[in-house]
Amino acid sequence: MNAAANRLVKGCAGFTLLELLVSLALMALIMTYLSSSISTGRRAWETAQSLEDPQTVEAVRRFVSQRLAQSMPLLVRLPNSQQAAILFDGRSAAVSFVSTVTGHTEVAGIYRFELSLDKSRRDRGGLGSLVVSQTVLRTAKQHDAVGAAPVTRTLLGGVVHLKFLYFGAPKNVGSPVWHGTWQDPNSLPSHIAVEVEFDGRNTRRWPRLVVRLPLSSGP
């Protein structure tokens, strides 16, 4: 009788070591999953908030201003021609130019940038995004990077309209005025204006940004 009672007590005494280890492992997996879910949700919330944050707009304005201000008249040889032209393409809804990067957050060197409105990168409201595409042309260590793939990233979401204007006298003809495009192969505009419009329900504002290009040949 005592032997049977002892066996019953031992069988109900508690978890075995193996069962305890399995339980701890399951708890660890559950905690890891919960932590990952909370972190992902927080990042998504922070991203959504940053798109509505006026400070984000100001940071993008500084980035655009710095890149444009460091535009350089890099000459490249035209295909099937002995002539050279400045690597610059100024359109009303996009601008492509060559600028330098100092290397604080990226590899220092000479890059080709393009600012444009990408309507394929629509946000939850169905609006487009201001994006920057950059291609490294030459690093600070004097290594050419021909054939490097461009990297595109979103600067601002919820953009309805993007417009560029160019101040100068293309081909040195006439007095400097504002133009909707700039296709002069021999000179850069002296100033570039950037206009961005958000959805009317958005609280963000983008005052007209005018950037002077110090390396231009204009006034």
Protein backbone atom coordinates (compact mmCIF):
# COMPACT_ATOMS: atom_id res chain seq x y z
CA MET A 1 0.00 0.00 0.00
CA ASN A 2 2.78 2.40 0.91
CA ALA A 3 4.70 1.55 -2.29
CA ALA A 4 1.69 2.31 -4.48
CA ALA A 5 1.11 5.61 -2.68
CA ASN A 6 4.76 6.58 -3.13
CA ARG A 7 4.58 5.96 -6.88
CA LEU A 8 1.42 8.09 -7.13
CA VAL A 9 3.04 10.94 -5.21
CA LYS A 10 6.14 10.82 -7.42
CA GLY A 11 4.05 10.85 -10.61
CA CYS A 12 2.19 13.99 -9.47
CA ALA A 13 5.14 15.76 -7.90
CA GLY A 14 5.65 18.19 -10.84
CA PHE A 15 7.27 18.69 -14.27
CA THR A 16 10.21 16.69 -15.39
CA LEU A 17 13.40 18.46 -16.41
CA LEU A 18 12.68 17.81 -20.09
CA GLU A 19 9.16 19.26 -19.81
CA LEU A 20 10.52 22.34 -18.04
CA LEU A 21 13.13 22.93 -20.75
CA VAL A 22 10.52 22.61 -23.51
CA SER A 23 8.23 25.07 -21.72
CA LEU A 24 11.04 27.61 -21.31
CA ALA A 25 11.95 27.27 -25.00
CA LEU A 26 8.34 27.88 -26.04
CA MET A 27 8.11 30.93 -23.78
CA ALA A 28 11.32 32.32 -25.30
CA LEU A 29 9.94 31.89 -28.83
CA ILE A 30 6.67 33.60 -27.87
CA MET A 31 8.50 36.53 -26.25
CA THR A 32 10.75 36.91 -29.32
CA TYR A 33 7.73 36.98 -31.62
CA LEU A 34 5.91 39.53 -29.47
CA SER A 35 9.00 41.73 -29.28
CA SER A 36 9.46 41.59 -33.06
CA SER A 37 5.79 42.41 -33.67
CA ILE A 38 5.90 45.38 -31.29
CA SER A 39 9.12 46.66 -32.87
CA THR A 40 7.69 46.34 -36.41
CA GLY A 41 4.51 48.13 -35.40
CA ARG A 42 6.48 50.92 -33.74
CA ARG A 43 8.65 51.43 -36.84
CA ALA A 44 5.58 51.54 -39.07
CA TRP A 45 3.95 54.09 -36.76
CA GLU A 46 7.12 56.20 -36.64
CA THR A 47 7.37 56.11 -40.45
CA ALA A 48 3.78 57.22 -40.84
CA GLN A 49 4.32 59.97 -38.30
CA SER A 50 7.53 61.17 -39.95
CA LEU A 51 5.75 61.61 -43.28
CA GLU A 52 3.44 64.05 -41.54
CA ASP A 53 6.21 65.73 -39.55
CA PRO A 54 7.18 69.24 -40.71
CA GLN A 55 10.70 68.52 -39.45
CA THR A 56 10.97 65.77 -42.06
CA VAL A 57 10.10 68.31 -44.76
CA GLU A 58 12.80 70.63 -43.45
CA ALA A 59 15.36 67.81 -43.48
CA VAL A 60 14.50 66.99 -47.10
CA ARG A 61 14.73 70.65 -48.05
CA ARG A 62 18.25 70.77 -46.57
CA PHE A 63 19.24 67.62 -48.44
CA VAL A 64 17.91 68.93 -51.77
CA SER A 65 19.49 72.34 -51.22
CA GLN A 66 22.91 70.86 -50.38
CA ARG A 67 22.93 68.48 -53.34
CA LEU A 68 21.85 71.15 -55.84
CA ALA A 69 24.26 73.74 -54.42
CA GLN A 70 27.14 71.35 -55.04
CA SER A 71 26.19 70.72 -58.67
CA MET A 72 29.24 70.66 -60.90
CA PRO A 73 29.57 71.16 -64.67
CA LEU A 74 31.00 67.73 -65.44
CA LEU A 75 31.72 67.38 -69.16
CA VAL A 76 31.10 64.05 -70.89
CA ARG A 77 31.67 63.09 -74.49
CA LEU A 78 28.47 62.67 -76.47
CA PRO A 79 27.86 59.27 -78.09
CA ASN A 80 29.19 59.02 -81.64
CA SER A 81 30.53 62.55 -81.44
CA GLN A 82 33.72 64.47 -80.71
CA GLN A 83 31.76 67.08 -78.79
CA ALA A 84 31.32 67.20 -75.02
CA ALA A 85 28.34 68.37 -72.99
CA ILE A 86 27.65 69.08 -69.33
CA LEU A 87 25.93 66.16 -67.63
CA PHE A 88 22.79 68.05 -66.63
CA ASP A 89 19.17 67.57 -67.64
CA GLY A 90 16.67 70.10 -66.38
CA ARG A 91 13.03 69.22 -66.97
CA SER A 92 9.86 70.66 -65.49
CA ALA A 93 9.10 67.58 -63.37
CA ALA A 94 12.60 66.18 -62.82
CA VAL A 95 16.21 67.28 -62.71
CA SER A 96 19.35 65.23 -63.25
CA PHE A 97 22.72 66.63 -62.20
CA VAL A 98 26.20 65.75 -60.94
CA SER A 99 27.13 66.55 -57.36
CA THR A 100 29.66 65.59 -54.73
CA VAL A 101 29.22 63.60 -51.52
CA THR A 102 31.61 64.26 -48.64
CA GLY A 103 31.36 60.79 -47.13
CA HIS A 104 29.78 61.43 -43.71
CA THR A 105 26.99 58.93 -44.35
CA GLU A 106 27.94 57.56 -47.78
CA VAL A 107 31.04 56.74 -49.78
CA ALA A 108 32.71 60.03 -50.71
CA GLY A 109 32.86 60.74 -54.39
CA ILE A 110 31.08 62.16 -57.43
CA TYR A 111 27.49 61.05 -57.98
CA ARG A 112 24.80 61.61 -60.53
CA PHE A 113 21.52 62.51 -58.83
CA GLU A 114 17.99 62.69 -60.17
CA LEU A 115 15.08 64.22 -58.28
CA SER A 116 11.64 63.33 -59.57
CA LEU A 117 8.04 62.53 -58.67
CA ASP A 118 7.49 58.78 -58.70
CA LYS A 119 3.78 58.05 -59.02
CA SER A 120 4.40 54.32 -58.86
CA ARG A 121 5.45 54.71 -55.21
CA ARG A 122 2.02 55.69 -54.00
CA ASP A 123 1.27 56.04 -50.33
CA ARG A 124 -1.92 54.93 -48.58
CA GLY A 125 -3.71 57.97 -49.97
CA GLY A 126 -2.82 57.10 -53.55
CA LEU A 127 -0.40 60.04 -53.86
CA GLY A 128 3.08 60.06 -55.38
CA SER A 129 6.48 60.38 -53.73
CA LEU A 130 9.45 62.70 -54.16
CA VAL A 131 12.35 60.32 -54.80
CA VAL A 132 16.08 60.68 -55.36
CA SER A 133 18.06 58.34 -57.57
CA GLN A 134 21.83 58.40 -57.23
CA THR A 135 24.53 56.67 -59.22
CA VAL A 136 28.18 56.77 -58.19
CA LEU A 137 30.43 57.96 -61.02
CA ARG A 138 33.75 58.16 -59.24
CA THR A 139 34.83 57.53 -55.66
CA ALA A 140 37.20 59.67 -53.61
CA LYS A 141 39.91 57.05 -54.13
CA GLN A 142 39.90 57.88 -57.85
CA HIS A 143 38.18 54.65 -58.83
CA ASP A 144 35.75 54.92 -61.73
CA ALA A 145 32.40 53.27 -61.13
CA VAL A 146 31.16 52.89 -64.70
CA GLY A 147 28.12 50.63 -64.86
CA ALA A 148 27.19 51.07 -61.20
CA ALA A 149 23.50 50.51 -60.57
CA PRO A 150 21.50 53.52 -59.40
CA VAL A 151 20.00 53.51 -55.90
CA THR A 152 16.54 55.06 -55.52
CA ARG A 153 14.98 56.07 -52.22
CA THR A 154 11.88 57.95 -51.15
CA LEU A 155 12.35 61.39 -49.62
CA LEU A 156 8.73 62.46 -49.13
CA GLY A 157 5.40 60.74 -49.58
CA GLY A 158 2.00 62.26 -50.17
CA VAL A 159 3.21 64.58 -52.95
CA VAL A 160 0.64 65.88 -55.44
CA HIS A 161 2.85 68.06 -57.63
CA LEU A 162 6.57 68.62 -58.20
CA LYS A 163 7.99 71.39 -60.35
CA PHE A 164 11.47 72.69 -61.17
CA LEU A 165 12.37 76.09 -62.61
CA TYR A 166 15.76 77.25 -63.91
CA PHE A 167 17.15 80.79 -63.90
CA GLY A 168 19.70 81.91 -66.42
CA ALA A 169 20.35 82.67 -70.08
CA PRO A 170 20.69 79.41 -72.03
CA LYS A 171 23.51 79.55 -74.60
CA ASN A 172 24.17 83.11 -73.36
CA VAL A 173 21.28 84.43 -75.43
CA GLY A 174 19.19 87.24 -73.94
CA SER A 175 18.84 88.28 -70.33
CA PRO A 176 18.63 85.74 -67.49
CA VAL A 177 15.02 84.75 -66.77
CA TRP A 178 13.20 81.76 -65.30
CA HIS A 179 12.72 78.79 -67.63
CA GLY A 180 10.61 75.66 -67.37
CA THR A 181 13.44 73.48 -68.71
CA TRP A 182 17.22 73.71 -69.09
CA GLN A 183 18.95 71.88 -71.94
CA ASP A 184 22.06 74.04 -72.50
CA PRO A 185 24.99 71.59 -73.00
CA ASN A 186 27.59 74.24 -72.16
CA SER A 187 26.40 75.84 -68.92
CA LEU A 188 24.43 75.30 -65.73
CA PRO A 189 21.60 77.57 -64.62
CA SER A 190 22.56 80.05 -61.94
CA HIS A 191 19.56 79.13 -59.75
CA ILE A 192 17.08 76.27 -59.47
CA ALA A 193 13.67 76.62 -57.85
CA VAL A 194 11.89 73.58 -56.40
CA GLU A 195 8.15 73.62 -55.79
CA VAL A 196 6.37 70.79 -53.96
CA GLU A 197 2.64 70.55 -53.30
CA PHE A 198 0.99 68.20 -50.82
CA ASP A 199 -2.58 67.06 -50.55
CA GLY A 200 -4.87 69.80 -49.22
CA ARG A 201 -5.69 67.75 -46.12
CA ASN A 202 -1.99 67.55 -45.26
CA THR A 203 -0.60 69.98 -42.69
CA ARG A 204 2.89 70.01 -44.23
CA ARG A 205 4.05 73.00 -46.24
CA TRP A 206 6.92 73.46 -48.70
CA PRO A 207 7.76 77.12 -49.28
CA ARG A 208 9.36 77.66 -52.66
CA LEU A 209 13.00 76.59 -52.42
CA VAL A 210 15.51 78.57 -54.53
CA VAL A 211 19.06 77.27 -54.65
CA ARG A 212 22.06 79.10 -56.13
CA LEU A 213 24.57 77.01 -58.07
CA PRO A 214 28.00 78.51 -57.26
CA LEU A 215 29.76 76.66 -60.10
CA SER A 216 27.45 77.98 -62.80
CA SER A 217 28.72 80.55 -65.25
CA GLY A 218 25.74 82.81 -64.67
CA PRO A 219 25.32 85.74 -62.26
